[in-house]
Amino acid sequence: MPDSPVPADRADARSRIVDAASRLLRDGGSRAVTTRAVAQAAGVPAPTIFRLFGDKDGLLDAVAEHVMAAYTAAKSERAASEDGDPVEDLRAAWRAHIDFGLANPDLYALLAAPGRLQRSPATAAGAEVLEARVARVAAAGLLRVSEPRAVGMIHAAGSGVVLALLGRPEGERDSGLADAMLESVLGGILAAGPAAPASGPAALAVALLASVPDLPALSDAERTLLTEWLTRAVAELQG
């Protein structure tokens, strides 16, 4: 137990504790994140952890948010520079997500907890990056389901693949599962290949819906009405 006093700056103390706990979680898993170990690594008395985070679960939530925020910032930076094939960019993002989950098993279990999307700003920001990527696919005329449906399918499949792989010993994991699942999902949401956008009503309606904000000469009321019509049409077409 360190004898140094609690730092006067509460934010600095919190940051030091979260950084220390993040390192312990990454290197030794959740079992390594004990109050004593975190206090020693951060250079603060153990009671400081309880004052700032309430309990170990509160600390782990803060760690998950901290790591997810860094991961999301990197995702956002990559997404901002993407200007090529939107489907290939989506594939690359999928692989990065799978790699992140497998490299951070204990953290991913925290991130996958029910309700985290609603209470985590970083996770919500990550979802917005996925939504933006799917919107690019829709705008290219390549999507035959609604954007929310596509986002939901990709998110559910990605989370499921990571959890399924983590549930197996590392040497027994199906190395092709992630790619196979992605191709299955893409087969369900894409209307055609990138070289030949589909002309079916579902793909056209989804593409037009994605373009409504950029259509010229429309009032806000007209945009709202057109969005409502197209949303209803897409819902009916996708079943």
Protein backbone atom coordinates (compact mmCIF):
# COMPACT_ATOMS: atom_id res chain seq x y z
CA MET A 1 0.00 0.00 0.00
CA PRO A 2 1.55 3.33 -1.01
CA ASP A 3 1.99 5.97 1.65
CA SER A 4 1.67 8.90 -0.72
CA PRO A 5 -1.34 11.16 -0.18
CA VAL A 6 -4.29 11.20 -2.54
CA PRO A 7 -3.58 13.63 -5.42
CA ALA A 8 -5.28 16.95 -4.92
CA ASP A 9 -6.62 16.84 -8.43
CA ARG A 10 -9.53 14.38 -8.39
CA ALA A 11 -9.53 14.05 -12.19
CA ASP A 12 -5.83 13.20 -12.17
CA ALA A 13 -6.38 10.52 -9.53
CA ARG A 14 -9.23 9.04 -11.51
CA SER A 15 -7.16 8.99 -14.69
CA ARG A 16 -4.22 7.31 -12.97
CA ILE A 17 -6.47 4.64 -11.49
CA VAL A 18 -8.24 3.91 -14.77
CA ASP A 19 -4.93 3.72 -16.65
CA ALA A 20 -3.50 1.34 -14.07
CA ALA A 21 -6.60 -0.86 -14.08
CA SER A 22 -6.61 -0.90 -17.89
CA ARG A 23 -3.04 -2.21 -17.96
CA LEU A 24 -3.81 -4.87 -15.37
CA LEU A 25 -6.92 -5.95 -17.27
CA ARG A 26 -5.02 -6.16 -20.55
CA ASP A 27 -2.06 -8.04 -19.11
CA GLY A 28 -3.75 -10.32 -16.57
CA GLY A 29 -7.48 -10.35 -17.19
CA SER A 30 -10.25 -9.33 -14.81
CA ARG A 31 -8.81 -11.41 -11.95
CA ALA A 32 -5.73 -9.20 -11.94
CA VAL A 33 -7.84 -6.10 -11.32
CA THR A 34 -7.92 -6.16 -7.53
CA THR A 35 -8.25 -3.09 -5.36
CA ARG A 36 -4.80 -3.68 -3.88
CA ALA A 37 -3.12 -4.17 -7.26
CA VAL A 38 -4.77 -1.14 -8.82
CA ALA A 39 -3.93 1.06 -5.83
CA GLN A 40 -0.28 0.01 -5.96
CA ALA A 41 -0.04 0.49 -9.72
CA ALA A 42 -1.71 3.90 -9.59
CA GLY A 43 0.16 5.11 -6.50
CA VAL A 44 -2.93 5.95 -4.45
CA PRO A 45 -4.45 4.63 -1.22
CA ALA A 46 -7.09 1.94 -1.75
CA PRO A 47 -9.94 4.01 -0.24
CA THR A 48 -9.52 6.47 -3.10
CA ILE A 49 -10.79 3.82 -5.51
CA PHE A 50 -13.96 3.32 -3.49
CA ARG A 51 -14.54 7.06 -3.17
CA LEU A 52 -14.19 7.60 -6.92
CA PHE A 53 -15.80 4.45 -8.33
CA GLY A 54 -17.94 2.98 -5.57
CA ASP A 55 -16.76 -0.62 -6.03
CA LYS A 56 -14.82 -2.88 -8.38
CA ASP A 57 -17.73 -3.06 -10.82
CA GLY A 58 -17.77 0.73 -11.05
CA LEU A 59 -14.05 0.73 -11.73
CA LEU A 60 -14.40 -1.93 -14.43
CA ASP A 61 -17.16 0.09 -16.08
CA ALA A 62 -14.85 3.11 -16.13
CA VAL A 63 -12.04 1.00 -17.60
CA ALA A 64 -14.31 -0.37 -20.32
CA GLU A 65 -15.44 3.16 -21.19
CA HIS A 66 -11.84 4.41 -21.27
CA VAL A 67 -10.58 1.66 -23.59
CA MET A 68 -13.68 1.80 -25.78
CA ALA A 69 -13.29 5.56 -26.16
CA ALA A 70 -9.73 5.12 -27.46
CA TYR A 71 -10.82 2.33 -29.80
CA THR A 72 -13.78 4.36 -31.08
CA ALA A 73 -11.58 7.40 -31.69
CA ALA A 74 -9.30 5.26 -33.86
CA LYS A 75 -12.33 3.85 -35.72
CA SER A 76 -13.70 7.32 -36.33
CA GLU A 77 -10.36 8.49 -37.70
CA ARG A 78 -10.19 5.55 -40.10
CA ALA A 79 -13.80 6.04 -41.19
CA ALA A 80 -13.20 9.73 -41.90
CA SER A 81 -10.46 8.84 -44.39
CA GLU A 82 -12.43 6.15 -46.22
CA ASP A 83 -13.40 7.09 -49.78
CA GLY A 84 -13.17 3.81 -51.69
CA ASP A 85 -15.51 0.87 -52.10
CA PRO A 86 -17.96 1.15 -49.17
CA VAL A 87 -18.44 -2.63 -48.97
CA GLU A 88 -14.69 -3.27 -48.78
CA ASP A 89 -14.38 -0.57 -46.13
CA LEU A 90 -17.13 -2.36 -44.20
CA ARG A 91 -15.25 -5.65 -44.53
CA ALA A 92 -12.06 -4.06 -43.20
CA ALA A 93 -13.93 -2.55 -40.25
CA TRP A 94 -15.50 -5.94 -39.48
CA ARG A 95 -12.09 -7.62 -39.37
CA ALA A 96 -10.71 -4.87 -37.12
CA HIS A 97 -13.67 -5.35 -34.76
CA ILE A 98 -13.13 -9.11 -34.57
CA ASP A 99 -9.40 -8.65 -33.95
CA PHE A 100 -10.10 -6.11 -31.18
CA GLY A 101 -12.54 -8.46 -29.45
CA LEU A 102 -10.21 -11.46 -29.58
CA ALA A 103 -7.27 -9.38 -28.34
CA ASN A 104 -9.29 -8.04 -25.37
CA PRO A 105 -11.45 -10.94 -24.12
CA ASP A 106 -12.20 -9.70 -20.60
CA LEU A 107 -12.82 -6.16 -21.79
CA TYR A 108 -15.07 -7.37 -24.60
CA ALA A 109 -17.19 -9.28 -22.11
CA LEU A 110 -17.72 -5.99 -20.27
CA LEU A 111 -18.53 -4.14 -23.48
CA ALA A 112 -21.04 -6.80 -24.54
CA ALA A 113 -23.04 -6.54 -21.32
CA PRO A 114 -26.76 -5.85 -21.97
CA GLY A 115 -27.64 -2.18 -21.78
CA ARG A 116 -24.09 -0.87 -22.26
CA LEU A 117 -24.97 0.78 -25.59
CA GLN A 118 -27.61 2.88 -23.83
CA ARG A 119 -25.36 3.99 -20.96
CA SER A 120 -21.97 4.21 -22.67
CA PRO A 121 -21.11 7.32 -24.72
CA ALA A 122 -18.08 5.58 -26.25
CA THR A 123 -20.07 2.53 -27.33
CA ALA A 124 -22.79 4.77 -28.74
CA ALA A 125 -20.14 6.69 -30.69
CA GLY A 126 -18.82 3.41 -32.05
CA ALA A 127 -22.33 2.50 -33.20
CA GLU A 128 -22.53 5.84 -35.02
CA VAL A 129 -19.37 4.94 -36.97
CA LEU A 130 -21.00 1.69 -38.10
CA GLU A 131 -24.16 3.59 -39.04
CA ALA A 132 -22.10 5.98 -41.17
CA ARG A 133 -20.42 3.09 -42.98
CA VAL A 134 -23.77 1.45 -43.69
CA ALA A 135 -25.12 4.79 -44.92
CA ARG A 136 -22.34 4.87 -47.52
CA VAL A 137 -23.36 1.41 -48.72
CA ALA A 138 -26.99 2.55 -48.94
CA ALA A 139 -26.12 5.73 -50.82
CA ALA A 140 -24.25 3.64 -53.39
CA GLY A 141 -27.46 1.73 -54.14
CA LEU A 142 -26.09 -1.52 -52.74
CA LEU A 143 -28.42 -2.08 -49.79
CA ARG A 144 -31.74 -3.93 -50.04
CA VAL A 145 -32.83 -3.62 -46.41
CA SER A 146 -33.21 -0.50 -44.29
CA GLU A 147 -30.11 1.02 -42.76
CA PRO A 148 -31.26 0.24 -39.18
CA ARG A 149 -31.89 -3.39 -40.14
CA ALA A 150 -28.45 -3.67 -41.75
CA VAL A 151 -26.74 -2.06 -38.76
CA GLY A 152 -28.55 -4.40 -36.39
CA MET A 153 -27.61 -7.50 -38.38
CA ILE A 154 -23.94 -6.52 -38.62
CA HIS A 155 -23.72 -5.60 -34.94
CA ALA A 156 -25.46 -8.79 -33.78
CA ALA A 157 -23.31 -10.97 -36.03
CA GLY A 158 -20.07 -9.29 -35.01
CA SER A 159 -20.79 -9.55 -31.29
CA GLY A 160 -21.93 -13.13 -31.67
CA VAL A 161 -18.83 -14.20 -33.59
CA VAL A 162 -16.46 -12.70 -31.04
CA LEU A 163 -18.28 -14.27 -28.10
CA ALA A 164 -18.48 -17.63 -29.88
CA LEU A 165 -14.76 -17.61 -30.63
CA LEU A 166 -13.85 -16.50 -27.12
CA GLY A 167 -15.92 -19.36 -25.79
CA ARG A 168 -13.53 -21.86 -27.36
CA PRO A 169 -9.90 -22.59 -26.42
CA GLU A 170 -7.65 -20.52 -28.66
CA GLY A 171 -6.26 -23.58 -30.45
CA GLU A 172 -9.75 -24.90 -31.25
CA ARG A 173 -11.27 -21.79 -32.78
CA ASP A 174 -12.67 -21.86 -36.30
CA SER A 175 -10.39 -19.40 -38.09
CA GLY A 176 -12.87 -18.99 -40.95
CA LEU A 177 -15.96 -18.36 -38.85
CA ALA A 178 -15.74 -14.56 -38.87
CA ASP A 179 -15.37 -14.29 -42.65
CA ALA A 180 -18.11 -16.86 -43.24
CA MET A 181 -20.51 -14.99 -40.97
CA LEU A 182 -19.75 -11.67 -42.64
CA GLU A 183 -20.43 -13.10 -46.09
CA SER A 184 -23.71 -14.54 -44.82
CA VAL A 185 -24.76 -11.15 -43.45
CA LEU A 186 -23.70 -9.32 -46.61
CA GLY A 187 -25.69 -11.80 -48.65
CA GLY A 188 -28.75 -10.85 -46.64
CA ILE A 189 -28.37 -7.07 -46.83
CA LEU A 190 -26.67 -6.32 -50.16
CA ALA A 191 -28.67 -5.93 -53.34
CA ALA A 192 -25.79 -6.50 -55.78
CA GLY A 193 -22.04 -6.35 -56.16
CA PRO A 194 -20.23 -2.98 -56.06
CA ALA A 195 -19.75 -3.00 -59.83
CA ALA A 196 -23.45 -3.38 -60.54
CA PRO A 197 -25.79 -1.54 -58.17
CA ALA A 198 -29.21 -3.13 -58.12
CA SER A 199 -32.24 -1.57 -59.78
CA GLY A 200 -34.88 -3.37 -57.68
CA PRO A 201 -37.39 -1.28 -55.73
CA ALA A 202 -35.91 -2.09 -52.31
CA ALA A 203 -32.38 -1.01 -53.24
CA LEU A 204 -33.62 2.09 -55.02
CA ALA A 205 -35.85 3.08 -52.09
CA VAL A 206 -33.02 2.57 -49.58
CA ALA A 207 -30.60 4.56 -51.75
CA LEU A 208 -33.07 7.41 -52.16
CA LEU A 209 -33.79 7.41 -48.44
CA ALA A 210 -30.06 7.76 -47.74
CA SER A 211 -29.92 10.71 -50.16
CA VAL A 212 -32.90 12.66 -48.83
CA PRO A 213 -30.75 15.09 -46.76
CA ASP A 214 -28.80 16.05 -49.91
CA LEU A 215 -31.74 16.47 -52.30
CA PRO A 216 -32.04 20.09 -53.49
CA ALA A 217 -35.11 22.36 -53.64
CA LEU A 218 -37.05 20.59 -50.85
CA SER A 219 -38.44 22.22 -47.75
CA ASP A 220 -37.95 20.64 -44.33
CA ALA A 221 -41.57 19.51 -44.37
CA GLU A 222 -41.14 17.90 -47.78
CA ARG A 223 -37.99 16.11 -46.63
CA THR A 224 -39.82 14.83 -43.56
CA LEU A 225 -42.73 13.58 -45.64
CA LEU A 226 -40.49 11.94 -48.23
CA THR A 227 -38.48 10.27 -45.47
CA GLU A 228 -41.70 8.92 -43.94
CA TRP A 229 -42.92 7.53 -47.28
CA LEU A 230 -39.62 5.88 -48.10
CA THR A 231 -39.21 4.44 -44.60
CA ARG A 232 -42.63 2.82 -44.85
CA ALA A 233 -41.88 1.48 -48.32
CA VAL A 234 -38.55 -0.01 -47.25
CA ALA A 235 -40.14 -1.63 -44.20
CA GLU A 236 -42.78 -3.25 -46.40
CA LEU A 237 -40.27 -4.38 -49.04
CA GLN A 238 -37.85 -5.94 -46.57
CA GLY A 239 -40.62 -7.81 -44.77
